[in-house]
């Protein structure tokens, strides 16, 4: 009885660890394929706010975004 419960608990722990690493791997792969924000999005956003961004401003925004990722 105790042996069976112990096996179930160990199985759940091992499954959770494997699931965590698989989910992390797939999320990293997805974010590399589809980055959350890119230069075109920043340029469009700034133009919608009424600003004409130059490349230096776009690069600064990209660096700031990458710093928090």
PDB file of N, CA and C in Angstrom:
ATOM      1  N   UNK A   1       0.821  -1.194   0.000  1.00  0.00           N
ATOM      2  CA  UNK A   1       0.000   0.000   0.000  1.00  0.00           C
ATOM      3  C   UNK A   1       0.868   1.263   0.000  1.00  0.00           C
ATOM      4  N   UNK A   2       1.767   1.363   0.968  1.00  0.00           N
ATOM      5  CA  UNK A   2       2.658   2.516   1.062  1.00  0.00           C
ATOM      6  C   UNK A   2       3.588   2.564  -0.155  1.00  0.00           C
ATOM      7  N   UNK A   3       4.001   1.403  -0.600  1.00  0.00           N
ATOM      8  CA  UNK A   3       4.872   1.307  -1.766  1.00  0.00           C
ATOM      9  C   UNK A   3       4.179   1.872  -3.015  1.00  0.00           C
ATOM     10  N   UNK A   4       2.909   1.565  -3.180  1.00  0.00           N
ATOM     11  CA  UNK A   4       2.155   2.052  -4.337  1.00  0.00           C
ATOM     12  C   UNK A   4       1.989   3.570  -4.301  1.00  0.00           C
ATOM     13  N   UNK A   5       1.697   4.112  -3.145  1.00  0.00           N
ATOM     14  CA  UNK A   5       1.541   5.565  -3.004  1.00  0.00           C
ATOM     15  C   UNK A   5       2.857   6.275  -3.298  1.00  0.00           C
ATOM     16  N   UNK A   6       3.948   5.694  -2.795  1.00  0.00           N
ATOM     17  CA  UNK A   6       5.268   6.275  -3.026  1.00  0.00           C
ATOM     18  C   UNK A   6       5.603   6.283  -4.511  1.00  0.00           C
ATOM     19  N   UNK A   7       5.276   5.208  -5.230  1.00  0.00           N
ATOM     20  CA  UNK A   7       5.525   5.161  -6.672  1.00  0.00           C
ATOM     21  C   UNK A   7       4.697   6.208  -7.421  1.00  0.00           C
ATOM     22  N   UNK A   8       3.468   6.407  -7.030  1.00  0.00           N
ATOM     23  CA  UNK A   8       2.616   7.418  -7.667  1.00  0.00           C
ATOM     24  C   UNK A   8       3.185   8.818  -7.438  1.00  0.00           C
ATOM     25  N   UNK A   9       3.608   9.111  -6.224  1.00  0.00           N
ATOM     26  CA  UNK A   9       4.164  10.430  -5.904  1.00  0.00           C
ATOM     27  C   UNK A   9       5.454  10.668  -6.688  1.00  0.00           C
ATOM     28  N   UNK A  10       6.319   9.682  -6.732  1.00  0.00           N
ATOM     29  CA  UNK A  10       7.569   9.807  -7.490  1.00  0.00           C
ATOM     30  C   UNK A  10       7.273   9.983  -8.977  1.00  0.00           C
ATOM     31  N   UNK A  11       6.314   9.257  -9.491  1.00  0.00           N
ATOM     32  CA  UNK A  11       5.923   9.399 -10.893  1.00  0.00           C
ATOM     33  C   UNK A  11       5.396  10.785 -11.206  1.00  0.00           C
ATOM     34  N   UNK A  12       4.596  11.345 -10.303  1.00  0.00           N
ATOM     35  CA  UNK A  12       4.080  12.702 -10.492  1.00  0.00           C
ATOM     36  C   UNK A  12       5.202  13.735 -10.486  1.00  0.00           C
ATOM     37  N   UNK A  13       6.148  13.574  -9.594  1.00  0.00           N
ATOM     38  CA  UNK A  13       7.274  14.513  -9.518  1.00  0.00           C
ATOM     39  C   UNK A  13       8.111  14.441 -10.789  1.00  0.00           C
ATOM     40  N   UNK A  14       8.428  13.234 -11.223  1.00  0.00           N
ATOM     41  CA  UNK A  14       9.222  13.061 -12.447  1.00  0.00           C
ATOM     42  C   UNK A  14       8.460  13.620 -13.648  1.00  0.00           C
ATOM     43  N   UNK A  15       7.160  13.378 -13.732  1.00  0.00           N
ATOM     44  CA  UNK A  15       6.347  13.904 -14.824  1.00  0.00           C
ATOM     45  C   UNK A  15       6.303  15.423 -14.833  1.00  0.00           C
ATOM     46  N   UNK A  16       6.219  16.032 -13.659  1.00  0.00           N
ATOM     47  CA  UNK A  16       6.199  17.490 -13.567  1.00  0.00           C
ATOM     48  C   UNK A  16       7.527  18.088 -14.028  1.00  0.00           C
ATOM     49  N   UNK A  17       8.637  17.462 -13.644  1.00  0.00           N
ATOM     50  CA  UNK A  17       9.960  17.968 -14.046  1.00  0.00           C
ATOM     51  C   UNK A  17      10.136  17.845 -15.560  1.00  0.00           C
ATOM     52  N   UNK A  18       9.791  16.698 -16.104  1.00  0.00           N
ATOM     53  CA  UNK A  18       9.915  16.507 -17.557  1.00  0.00           C
ATOM     54  C   UNK A  18       8.983  17.467 -18.299  1.00  0.00           C
ATOM     55  N   UNK A  19       7.767  17.637 -17.815  1.00  0.00           N
ATOM     56  CA  UNK A  19       6.815  18.565 -18.435  1.00  0.00           C
ATOM     57  C   UNK A  19       7.313  19.991 -18.411  1.00  0.00           C
ATOM     58  N   UNK A  20       7.926  20.398 -17.306  1.00  0.00           N
ATOM     59  CA  UNK A  20       8.473  21.749 -17.204  1.00  0.00           C
ATOM     60  C   UNK A  20       9.543  21.990 -18.264  1.00  0.00           C
ATOM     61  N   UNK A  21      10.489  21.068 -18.390  1.00  0.00           N
ATOM     62  CA  UNK A  21      11.570  21.259 -19.343  1.00  0.00           C
ATOM     63  C   UNK A  21      11.081  21.187 -20.791  1.00  0.00           C
ATOM     64  N   UNK A  22      10.120  20.323 -21.072  1.00  0.00           N
ATOM     65  CA  UNK A  22       9.553  20.282 -22.422  1.00  0.00           C
ATOM     66  C   UNK A  22       8.819  21.576 -22.755  1.00  0.00           C
ATOM     67  N   UNK A  23       8.030  22.086 -21.825  1.00  0.00           N
ATOM     68  CA  UNK A  23       7.303  23.338 -22.056  1.00  0.00           C
ATOM     69  C   UNK A  23       8.277  24.495 -22.254  1.00  0.00           C
ATOM     70  N   UNK A  24       9.342  24.521 -21.465  1.00  0.00           N
ATOM     71  CA  UNK A  24      10.342  25.581 -21.597  1.00  0.00           C
ATOM     72  C   UNK A  24      11.021  25.526 -22.956  1.00  0.00           C
ATOM     73  N   UNK A  25      11.357  24.318 -23.394  1.00  0.00           N
ATOM     74  CA  UNK A  25      12.004  24.147 -24.697  1.00  0.00           C
ATOM     75  C   UNK A  25      11.102  24.640 -25.832  1.00  0.00           C
ATOM     76  N   UNK A  26       9.829  24.253 -25.800  1.00  0.00           N
ATOM     77  CA  UNK A  26       8.919  24.660 -26.867  1.00  0.00           C
ATOM     78  C   UNK A  26       8.645  26.159 -26.834  1.00  0.00           C
ATOM     79  N   UNK A  27       8.592  26.775 -25.659  1.00  0.00           N
ATOM     80  CA  UNK A  27       8.374  28.213 -25.578  1.00  0.00           C
ATOM     81  C   UNK A  27       9.579  28.985 -26.116  1.00  0.00           C
ATOM     82  N   UNK A  28      10.784  28.528 -25.796  1.00  0.00           N
ATOM     83  CA  UNK A  28      11.978  29.189 -26.330  1.00  0.00           C
ATOM     84  C   UNK A  28      12.015  29.084 -27.847  1.00  0.00           C
ATOM     85  N   UNK A  29      11.672  27.923 -28.362  1.00  0.00           N
ATOM     86  CA  UNK A  29      11.639  27.718 -29.812  1.00  0.00           C
ATOM     87  C   UNK A  29      10.589  28.629 -30.453  1.00  0.00           C
ATOM     88  N   UNK A  30       9.423  28.739 -29.845  1.00  0.00           N
ATOM     89  CA  UNK A  30       8.354  29.584 -30.371  1.00  0.00           C
ATOM     90  C   UNK A  30       8.759  31.059 -30.357  1.00  0.00           C
ATOM     91  N   UNK A  31       9.394  31.515 -29.273  1.00  0.00           N
ATOM     92  CA  UNK A  31       9.788  32.916 -29.179  1.00  0.00           C
ATOM     93  C   UNK A  31      10.912  33.261 -30.146  1.00  0.00           C
ATOM     94  N   UNK A  32      11.767  32.310 -30.484  1.00  0.00           N
ATOM     95  CA  UNK A  32      12.794  32.565 -31.494  1.00  0.00           C
ATOM     96  C   UNK A  32      12.159  32.720 -32.872  1.00  0.00           C
ATOM     97  N   UNK A  33      11.154  31.906 -33.164  1.00  0.00           N
ATOM     98  CA  UNK A  33      10.457  31.985 -34.446  1.00  0.00           C
ATOM     99  C   UNK A  33       9.596  33.234 -34.540  1.00  0.00           C
ATOM    100  N   UNK A  34       8.892  33.564 -33.465  1.00  0.00           N
ATOM    101  CA  UNK A  34       7.948  34.681 -33.437  1.00  0.00           C
ATOM    102  C   UNK A  34       8.299  35.618 -32.290  1.00  0.00           C
ATOM    103  N   UNK A  35       9.254  36.506 -32.506  1.00  0.00           N
ATOM    104  CA  UNK A  35       9.620  37.408 -31.418  1.00  0.00           C
ATOM    105  C   UNK A  35       8.435  38.291 -31.025  1.00  0.00           C
ATOM    106  N   UNK A  36       8.349  38.639 -29.759  1.00  0.00           N
ATOM    107  CA  UNK A  36       7.187  39.385 -29.297  1.00  0.00           C
ATOM    108  C   UNK A  36       7.074  40.786 -29.894  1.00  0.00           C
ATOM    109  N   UNK A  37       8.186  41.414 -30.226  1.00  0.00           N
ATOM    110  CA  UNK A  37       8.139  42.748 -30.831  1.00  0.00           C
ATOM    111  C   UNK A  37       9.372  42.905 -31.715  1.00  0.00           C
ATOM    112  N   UNK A  38       9.195  43.593 -32.829  1.00  0.00           N
ATOM    113  CA  UNK A  38      10.322  43.813 -33.728  1.00  0.00           C
ATOM    114  C   UNK A  38      10.379  45.287 -34.119  1.00  0.00           C
ATOM    115  N   UNK A  39      11.341  45.633 -34.962  1.00  0.00           N
ATOM    116  CA  UNK A  39      11.566  47.028 -35.323  1.00  0.00           C
ATOM    117  C   UNK A  39      10.361  47.627 -36.050  1.00  0.00           C
ATOM    118  N   UNK A  40       9.736  46.855 -36.924  1.00  0.00           N
ATOM    119  CA  UNK A  40       8.578  47.371 -37.656  1.00  0.00           C
ATOM    120  C   UNK A  40       7.435  47.711 -36.712  1.00  0.00           C
ATOM    121  N   UNK A  41       7.236  46.886 -35.684  1.00  0.00           N
ATOM    122  CA  UNK A  41       6.171  47.163 -34.714  1.00  0.00           C
ATOM    123  C   UNK A  41       6.462  48.449 -33.945  1.00  0.00           C
ATOM    124  N   UNK A  42       7.714  48.646 -33.556  1.00  0.00           N
ATOM    125  CA  UNK A  42       8.093  49.857 -32.825  1.00  0.00           C
ATOM    126  C   UNK A  42       7.893  51.077 -33.714  1.00  0.00           C
ATOM    127  N   UNK A  43       8.313  50.974 -34.960  1.00  0.00           N
ATOM    128  CA  UNK A  43       8.176  52.095 -35.895  1.00  0.00           C
ATOM    129  C   UNK A  43       6.702  52.443 -36.101  1.00  0.00           C
ATOM    130  N   UNK A  44       5.865  51.427 -36.283  1.00  0.00           N
ATOM    131  CA  UNK A  44       4.434  51.660 -36.467  1.00  0.00           C
ATOM    132  C   UNK A  44       3.825  52.286 -35.224  1.00  0.00           C
ATOM    133  N   UNK A  45       4.204  51.799 -34.064  1.00  0.00           N
ATOM    134  CA  UNK A  45       3.681  52.334 -32.805  1.00  0.00           C
ATOM    135  C   UNK A  45       4.053  53.801 -32.635  1.00  0.00           C
ATOM    136  N   UNK A  46       5.298  54.148 -32.899  1.00  0.00           N
ATOM    137  CA  UNK A  46       5.739  55.531 -32.749  1.00  0.00           C
ATOM    138  C   UNK A  46       5.054  56.437 -33.770  1.00  0.00           C
ATOM    139  N   UNK A  47       4.834  55.942 -34.980  1.00  0.00           N
ATOM    140  CA  UNK A  47       4.163  56.751 -35.988  1.00  0.00           C
ATOM    141  C   UNK A  47       2.695  56.971 -35.616  1.00  0.00           C
ATOM    142  N   UNK A  48       2.067  55.988 -34.974  1.00  0.00           N
ATOM    143  CA  UNK A  48       0.690  56.155 -34.524  1.00  0.00           C
ATOM    144  C   UNK A  48       0.590  57.182 -33.404  1.00  0.00           C
ATOM    145  N   UNK A  49       1.674  57.332 -32.648  1.00  0.00           N
ATOM    146  CA  UNK A  49       1.688  58.325 -31.580  1.00  0.00           C
ATOM    147  C   UNK A  49       2.043  59.714 -32.114  1.00  0.00           C
ATOM    148  N   UNK A  50       2.271  59.817 -33.414  1.00  0.00           N
ATOM    149  CA  UNK A  50       2.555  61.113 -34.013  1.00  0.00           C
ATOM    150  C   UNK A  50       4.026  61.467 -34.081  1.00  0.00           C
ATOM    151  N   UNK A  51       4.898  60.490 -33.938  1.00  0.00           N
ATOM    152  CA  UNK A  51       6.342  60.746 -34.011  1.00  0.00           C
ATOM    153  C   UNK A  51       6.924  60.066 -35.235  1.00  0.00           C
ATOM    154  N   UNK A  52       7.893  60.694 -35.849  1.00  0.00           N
ATOM    155  CA  UNK A  52       8.618  60.091 -36.969  1.00  0.00           C
ATOM    156  C   UNK A  52       9.941  59.588 -36.405  1.00  0.00           C
ATOM    157  N   UNK A  53      10.043  58.290 -36.117  1.00  0.00           N
ATOM    158  CA  UNK A  53      11.260  57.775 -35.470  1.00  0.00           C
ATOM    159  C   UNK A  53      12.414  57.633 -36.464  1.00  0.00           C
ATOM    160  N   UNK A  54      13.621  57.905 -35.963  1.00  0.00           N
ATOM    161  CA  UNK A  54      14.797  57.606 -36.777  1.00  0.00           C
ATOM    162  C   UNK A  54      15.369  56.263 -36.307  1.00  0.00           C
ATOM    163  N   UNK A  55      16.352  55.767 -37.004  1.00  0.00           N
ATOM    164  CA  UNK A  55      16.889  54.433 -36.718  1.00  0.00           C
ATOM    165  C   UNK A  55      17.517  54.363 -35.329  1.00  0.00           C
ATOM    166  N   UNK A  56      18.110  55.468 -34.881  1.00  0.00           N
ATOM    167  CA  UNK A  56      18.729  55.487 -33.557  1.00  0.00           C
ATOM    168  C   UNK A  56      17.676  55.274 -32.463  1.00  0.00           C
ATOM    169  N   UNK A  57      16.532  55.924 -32.596  1.00  0.00           N
ATOM    170  CA  UNK A  57      15.468  55.761 -31.606  1.00  0.00           C
ATOM    171  C   UNK A  57      14.926  54.333 -31.619  1.00  0.00           C
ATOM    172  N   UNK A  58      14.791  53.771 -32.806  1.00  0.00           N
ATOM    173  CA  UNK A  58      14.302  52.390 -32.911  1.00  0.00           C
ATOM    174  C   UNK A  58      15.284  51.431 -32.253  1.00  0.00           C
ATOM    175  N   UNK A  59      16.580  51.637 -32.504  1.00  0.00           N
ATOM    176  CA  UNK A  59      17.599  50.774 -31.893  1.00  0.00           C
ATOM    177  C   UNK A  59      17.583  50.892 -30.363  1.00  0.00           C
ATOM    178  N   UNK A  60      17.381  52.110 -29.848  1.00  0.00           N
ATOM    179  CA  UNK A  60      17.314  52.294 -28.399  1.00  0.00           C
ATOM    180  C   UNK A  60      16.125  51.543 -27.818  1.00  0.00           C
ATOM    181  N   UNK A  61      14.995  51.619 -28.494  1.00  0.00           N
ATOM    182  CA  UNK A  61      13.811  50.907 -28.015  1.00  0.00           C
ATOM    183  C   UNK A  61      14.023  49.398 -28.051  1.00  0.00           C
ATOM    184  N   UNK A  62      14.664  48.880 -29.100  1.00  0.00           N
ATOM    185  CA  UNK A  62      14.927  47.445 -29.203  1.00  0.00           C
ATOM    186  C   UNK A  62      15.843  46.982 -28.071  1.00  0.00           C
ATOM    187  N   UNK A  63      16.876  47.781 -27.776  1.00  0.00           N
ATOM    188  CA  UNK A  63      17.782  47.426 -26.675  1.00  0.00           C
ATOM    189  C   UNK A  63      17.045  47.420 -25.348  1.00  0.00           C
ATOM    190  N   UNK A  64      16.162  48.400 -25.156  1.00  0.00           N
ATOM    191  CA  UNK A  64      15.389  48.457 -23.911  1.00  0.00           C
ATOM    192  C   UNK A  64      14.472  47.242 -23.799  1.00  0.00           C
ATOM    193  N   UNK A  65      13.855  46.835 -24.893  1.00  0.00           N
ATOM    194  CA  UNK A  65      12.964  45.678 -24.880  1.00  0.00           C
ATOM    195  C   UNK A  65      13.744  44.383 -24.586  1.00  0.00           C
ATOM    196  N   UNK A  66      14.917  44.249 -25.195  1.00  0.00           N
ATOM    197  CA  UNK A  66      15.714  43.035 -24.987  1.00  0.00           C
ATOM    198  C   UNK A  66      16.264  42.969 -23.564  1.00  0.00           C
ATOM    199  N   UNK A  67      16.471  44.124 -22.950  1.00  0.00           N
ATOM    200  CA  UNK A  67      16.975  44.158 -21.584  1.00  0.00           C
ATOM    201  C   UNK A  67      15.978  43.528 -20.613  1.00  0.00           C
ATOM    202  N   UNK A  68      14.684  43.703 -20.883  1.00  0.00           N
ATOM    203  CA  UNK A  68      13.659  43.199 -19.967  1.00  0.00           C
ATOM    204  C   UNK A  68      13.144  41.829 -20.334  1.00  0.00           C
ATOM    205  N   UNK A  69      13.687  41.197 -21.336  1.00  0.00           N
ATOM    206  CA  UNK A  69      13.233  39.857 -21.718  1.00  0.00           C
ATOM    207  C   UNK A  69      14.064  38.799 -21.060  1.00  0.00           C
TER     208      UNK A  69
END
